[in-house]
Amino acid sequence: MKKNLFKILAKINKVIMPRFSQRDITRLSKIEKAMVAYRYWVTINALD
């Protein structure tokens, strides 16, 4: 159940949220860093 929820969140994040792979992480604003951390958290939980 929990894993399915995170897989759905990961798919939604992929469509809605911006990608930061081409940008320098050190130059992101605090909100953008929080978005990266959220995407990381969802991805890790979806893979477990």
PDB file of N, CA and C in Angstrom:
ATOM      1  N   MET A   1       0.826  -1.193   0.000  1.00  0.00           N
ATOM      2  CA  MET A   1       0.000   0.000   0.000  1.00  0.00           C
ATOM      3  C   MET A   1       0.871   1.258   0.000  1.00  0.00           C
ATOM      4  N   LYS A   2       1.842   1.308   0.920  1.00  0.00           N
ATOM      5  CA  LYS A   2       2.709   2.479   1.024  1.00  0.00           C
ATOM      6  C   LYS A   2       3.553   2.638  -0.239  1.00  0.00           C
ATOM      7  N   LYS A   3       4.074   1.530  -0.749  1.00  0.00           N
ATOM      8  CA  LYS A   3       4.918   1.576  -1.934  1.00  0.00           C
ATOM      9  C   LYS A   3       4.118   2.056  -3.150  1.00  0.00           C
ATOM     10  N   ASN A   4       2.884   1.609  -3.269  1.00  0.00           N
ATOM     11  CA  ASN A   4       2.041   2.044  -4.386  1.00  0.00           C
ATOM     12  C   ASN A   4       1.758   3.539  -4.329  1.00  0.00           C
ATOM     13  N   LEU A   5       1.554   4.057  -3.119  1.00  0.00           N
ATOM     14  CA  LEU A   5       1.314   5.493  -2.951  1.00  0.00           C
ATOM     15  C   LEU A   5       2.515   6.297  -3.423  1.00  0.00           C
ATOM     16  N   PHE A   6       3.721   5.855  -3.042  1.00  0.00           N
ATOM     17  CA  PHE A   6       4.921   6.576  -3.444  1.00  0.00           C
ATOM     18  C   PHE A   6       5.177   6.443  -4.948  1.00  0.00           C
ATOM     19  N   LYS A   7       4.804   5.335  -5.548  1.00  0.00           N
ATOM     20  CA  LYS A   7       4.957   5.192  -7.002  1.00  0.00           C
ATOM     21  C   LYS A   7       4.036   6.165  -7.734  1.00  0.00           C
ATOM     22  N   ILE A   8       2.835   6.326  -7.220  1.00  0.00           N
ATOM     23  CA  ILE A   8       1.896   7.287  -7.821  1.00  0.00           C
ATOM     24  C   ILE A   8       2.423   8.707  -7.654  1.00  0.00           C
ATOM     25  N   LEU A   9       2.937   9.029  -6.451  1.00  0.00           N
ATOM     26  CA  LEU A   9       3.518  10.358  -6.218  1.00  0.00           C
ATOM     27  C   LEU A   9       4.702  10.609  -7.137  1.00  0.00           C
ATOM     28  N   ALA A  10       5.519   9.593  -7.360  1.00  0.00           N
ATOM     29  CA  ALA A  10       6.681   9.750  -8.236  1.00  0.00           C
ATOM     30  C   ALA A  10       6.244  10.056  -9.668  1.00  0.00           C
ATOM     31  N   LYS A  11       5.196   9.406 -10.134  1.00  0.00           N
ATOM     32  CA  LYS A  11       4.696   9.674 -11.488  1.00  0.00           C
ATOM     33  C   LYS A  11       4.131  11.082 -11.591  1.00  0.00           C
ATOM     34  N   ILE A  12       3.415  11.521 -10.563  1.00  0.00           N
ATOM     35  CA  ILE A  12       2.866  12.882 -10.560  1.00  0.00           C
ATOM     36  C   ILE A  12       4.002  13.902 -10.537  1.00  0.00           C
ATOM     37  N   ASN A  13       5.021  13.657  -9.706  1.00  0.00           N
ATOM     38  CA  ASN A  13       6.167  14.566  -9.633  1.00  0.00           C
ATOM     39  C   ASN A  13       6.872  14.670 -10.974  1.00  0.00           C
ATOM     40  N   LYS A  14       6.982  13.557 -11.673  1.00  0.00           N
ATOM     41  CA  LYS A  14       7.672  13.556 -12.962  1.00  0.00           C
ATOM     42  C   LYS A  14       6.967  14.455 -13.968  1.00  0.00           C
ATOM     43  N   VAL A  15       5.658  14.501 -13.899  1.00  0.00           N
ATOM     44  CA  VAL A  15       4.885  15.304 -14.841  1.00  0.00           C
ATOM     45  C   VAL A  15       4.820  16.769 -14.424  1.00  0.00           C
ATOM     46  N   ILE A  16       4.586  17.013 -13.152  1.00  0.00           N
ATOM     47  CA  ILE A  16       4.291  18.372 -12.682  1.00  0.00           C
ATOM     48  C   ILE A  16       5.529  19.182 -12.312  1.00  0.00           C
ATOM     49  N   MET A  17       6.428  18.593 -11.540  1.00  0.00           N
ATOM     50  CA  MET A  17       7.541  19.353 -10.982  1.00  0.00           C
ATOM     51  C   MET A  17       8.676  19.513 -11.987  1.00  0.00           C
ATOM     52  N   PRO A  18       9.410  20.626 -11.881  1.00  0.00           N
ATOM     53  CA  PRO A  18      10.525  20.859 -12.808  1.00  0.00           C
ATOM     54  C   PRO A  18      11.696  19.920 -12.525  1.00  0.00           C
ATOM     55  N   ARG A  19      12.523  19.740 -13.533  1.00  0.00           N
ATOM     56  CA  ARG A  19      13.715  18.912 -13.373  1.00  0.00           C
ATOM     57  C   ARG A  19      14.899  19.809 -13.061  1.00  0.00           C
ATOM     58  N   PHE A  20      15.759  19.338 -12.187  1.00  0.00           N
ATOM     59  CA  PHE A  20      16.913  20.114 -11.760  1.00  0.00           C
ATOM     60  C   PHE A  20      18.219  19.432 -12.139  1.00  0.00           C
ATOM     61  N   SER A  21      18.171  18.451 -13.005  1.00  0.00           N
ATOM     62  CA  SER A  21      19.369  17.678 -13.327  1.00  0.00           C
ATOM     63  C   SER A  21      20.413  18.491 -14.095  1.00  0.00           C
ATOM     64  N   GLN A  22      20.006  19.478 -14.837  1.00  0.00           N
ATOM     65  CA  GLN A  22      20.942  20.273 -15.631  1.00  0.00           C
ATOM     66  C   GLN A  22      21.418  21.525 -14.911  1.00  0.00           C
ATOM     67  N   ARG A  23      20.938  21.726 -13.684  1.00  0.00           N
ATOM     68  CA  ARG A  23      21.284  22.941 -12.955  1.00  0.00           C
ATOM     69  C   ARG A  23      22.255  22.636 -11.825  1.00  0.00           C
ATOM     70  N   ASP A  24      23.011  23.633 -11.441  1.00  0.00           N
ATOM     71  CA  ASP A  24      23.954  23.506 -10.336  1.00  0.00           C
ATOM     72  C   ASP A  24      23.185  23.562  -9.016  1.00  0.00           C
ATOM     73  N   ILE A  25      23.280  22.520  -8.226  1.00  0.00           N
ATOM     74  CA  ILE A  25      22.524  22.418  -6.978  1.00  0.00           C
ATOM     75  C   ILE A  25      22.893  23.545  -6.006  1.00  0.00           C
ATOM     76  N   THR A  26      24.134  23.973  -6.023  1.00  0.00           N
ATOM     77  CA  THR A  26      24.567  24.999  -5.065  1.00  0.00           C
ATOM     78  C   THR A  26      23.961  26.365  -5.367  1.00  0.00           C
ATOM     79  N   ARG A  27      23.461  26.561  -6.561  1.00  0.00           N
ATOM     80  CA  ARG A  27      22.893  27.864  -6.931  1.00  0.00           C
ATOM     81  C   ARG A  27      21.367  27.905  -6.861  1.00  0.00           C
ATOM     82  N   LEU A  28      20.753  26.863  -6.345  1.00  0.00           N
ATOM     83  CA  LEU A  28      19.301  26.830  -6.227  1.00  0.00           C
ATOM     84  C   LEU A  28      18.843  27.626  -5.009  1.00  0.00           C
ATOM     85  N   SER A  29      17.624  28.151  -5.092  1.00  0.00           N
ATOM     86  CA  SER A  29      17.058  28.843  -3.935  1.00  0.00           C
ATOM     87  C   SER A  29      16.625  27.806  -2.895  1.00  0.00           C
ATOM     88  N   LYS A  30      16.234  28.272  -1.730  1.00  0.00           N
ATOM     89  CA  LYS A  30      15.828  27.357  -0.661  1.00  0.00           C
ATOM     90  C   LYS A  30      14.591  26.554  -1.055  1.00  0.00           C
ATOM     91  N   ILE A  31      13.671  27.178  -1.741  1.00  0.00           N
ATOM     92  CA  ILE A  31      12.457  26.470  -2.161  1.00  0.00           C
ATOM     93  C   ILE A  31      12.795  25.406  -3.196  1.00  0.00           C
ATOM     94  N   GLU A  32      13.679  25.728  -4.115  1.00  0.00           N
ATOM     95  CA  GLU A  32      14.084  24.751  -5.124  1.00  0.00           C
ATOM     96  C   GLU A  32      14.845  23.585  -4.490  1.00  0.00           C
ATOM     97  N   LYS A  33      15.654  23.871  -3.478  1.00  0.00           N
ATOM     98  CA  LYS A  33      16.354  22.798  -2.761  1.00  0.00           C
ATOM     99  C   LYS A  33      15.357  21.903  -2.037  1.00  0.00           C
ATOM    100  N   ALA A  34      14.313  22.504  -1.474  1.00  0.00           N
ATOM    101  CA  ALA A  34      13.273  21.719  -0.806  1.00  0.00           C
ATOM    102  C   ALA A  34      12.548  20.829  -1.807  1.00  0.00           C
ATOM    103  N   MET A  35      12.323  21.333  -3.011  1.00  0.00           N
ATOM    104  CA  MET A  35      11.672  20.535  -4.051  1.00  0.00           C
ATOM    105  C   MET A  35      12.553  19.360  -4.463  1.00  0.00           C
ATOM    106  N   VAL A  36      13.850  19.573  -4.558  1.00  0.00           N
ATOM    107  CA  VAL A  36      14.786  18.490  -4.882  1.00  0.00           C
ATOM    108  C   VAL A  36      14.767  17.447  -3.776  1.00  0.00           C
ATOM    109  N   ALA A  37      14.774  17.890  -2.531  1.00  0.00           N
ATOM    110  CA  ALA A  37      14.746  16.962  -1.400  1.00  0.00           C
ATOM    111  C   ALA A  37      13.452  16.163  -1.380  1.00  0.00           C
ATOM    112  N   TYR A  38      12.335  16.806  -1.671  1.00  0.00           N
ATOM    113  CA  TYR A  38      11.045  16.110  -1.709  1.00  0.00           C
ATOM    114  C   TYR A  38      11.031  15.054  -2.809  1.00  0.00           C
ATOM    115  N   ARG A  39      11.511  15.419  -3.985  1.00  0.00           N
ATOM    116  CA  ARG A  39      11.553  14.449  -5.089  1.00  0.00           C
ATOM    117  C   ARG A  39      12.463  13.279  -4.746  1.00  0.00           C
ATOM    118  N   TYR A  40      13.579  13.548  -4.089  1.00  0.00           N
ATOM    119  CA  TYR A  40      14.497  12.492  -3.668  1.00  0.00           C
ATOM    120  C   TYR A  40      13.814  11.554  -2.669  1.00  0.00           C
ATOM    121  N   TRP A  41      13.123  12.119  -1.682  1.00  0.00           N
ATOM    122  CA  TRP A  41      12.435  11.337  -0.662  1.00  0.00           C
ATOM    123  C   TRP A  41      11.372  10.438  -1.281  1.00  0.00           C
ATOM    124  N   VAL A  42      10.584  10.982  -2.192  1.00  0.00           N
ATOM    125  CA  VAL A  42       9.558  10.189  -2.857  1.00  0.00           C
ATOM    126  C   VAL A  42      10.180   9.079  -3.705  1.00  0.00           C
ATOM    127  N   THR A  43      11.239   9.396  -4.423  1.00  0.00           N
ATOM    128  CA  THR A  43      11.893   8.409  -5.276  1.00  0.00           C
ATOM    129  C   THR A  43      12.468   7.269  -4.457  1.00  0.00           C
ATOM    130  N   ILE A  44      13.146   7.578  -3.373  1.00  0.00           N
ATOM    131  CA  ILE A  44      13.733   6.544  -2.516  1.00  0.00           C
ATOM    132  C   ILE A  44      12.658   5.635  -1.942  1.00  0.00           C
ATOM    133  N   ASN A  45      11.568   6.204  -1.501  1.00  0.00           N
ATOM    134  CA  ASN A  45      10.490   5.393  -0.928  1.00  0.00           C
ATOM    135  C   ASN A  45       9.743   4.603  -1.989  1.00  0.00           C
ATOM    136  N   ALA A  46       9.710   5.077  -3.207  1.00  0.00           N
ATOM    137  CA  ALA A  46       9.048   4.333  -4.278  1.00  0.00           C
ATOM    138  C   ALA A  46       9.892   3.132  -4.712  1.00  0.00           C
ATOM    139  N   LEU A  47      11.201   3.243  -4.570  1.00  0.00           N
ATOM    140  CA  LEU A  47      12.080   2.146  -4.980  1.00  0.00           C
ATOM    141  C   LEU A  47      12.213   1.058  -3.928  1.00  0.00           C
ATOM    142  N   ASP A  48      12.000   1.365  -2.667  1.00  0.00           N
ATOM    143  CA  ASP A  48      12.147   0.362  -1.595  1.00  0.00           C
ATOM    144  C   ASP A  48      11.121  -0.724  -1.663  1.00  0.00           C
TER     145      ASP A  48
END
